[in-house]
């Protein structure tokens, strides 16, 4: 073979080999940028494998979703809504640890591990309730921790628990609904709506709107919390909507599943709605019954 032809073949081979090495170098650069791979002495064939491993190794850390503030009354039981996502990122046998509860308070699930501290299994979260005795009042800061079986901390969230009684009725106010005087029909309190500042009204209406969204999604326990916050600010509609979530007739109309009615609670919040200036609550009171 002529020398010139041999030289041209050798030159083309060198060019082809150079192109192949540039492609390997480009892939190697991407692998290093993403995962620090491959090491300098790794075979070129390992580059693609390392790159795929790096792209598939980013698991999302679990997060705790909970209301930033929970308002409750003494001598009550209220749902404590805590959610963790994504579930696939939670190691097996993990649990929740709650600290900062009032020492005399208790939870419906789990067990006490110290005064004001509870351990709760994750399968108990859908039914978790907070039980508050009559002696509890004031504000507590709760620390909620997701803990792995080996004690490793996976996620944390903080909640302000505010326990405050309803404002006592004025001594000069008329008798409460349901009371009887000399055999007369039950007396409905006279509407005395408070004067709210524009800011107070706007905040209360936001709570009602949020509660109504939860109600539409069937999350009645959480809707109650927002309606109660609006009622405690002084918005009549908040008390009216809260009463409806306990009223057997309204729950039937909502087609609520798994929610127990409570006539006593419905009556209490209808009374409050009337006091706050919702005259339509008086009619609901008159027909509520005593069951």
Foldseek 3Di string as FASTA:
>chain_A
DDPVVVVVVVVVVVVVVVVVVVVLVVLQVVLCVQPNDDPPPDDSVCSVVSSVCSVPVDDDFKEKDADQEFEAEAQDKAQGAIDIPDPVNADPPKWKKKAWAQQPKDKPAADAPDRRIGIGHPVCNVVIMIGHHNPDFAKTKMKMFTAHPVGDTRYIDIHIYGYDHADDDDPPWDDDFPDDDPPDHGDATAADADDADPVLQVQLVVLQVVLVVCLLVLNNSVSLRSLVVSVSSLALVSLQVNLLLQQPVSCVVSVRPPRHHDLVSSSVSLSSSRHNPDVVSRVCSSPRDDD
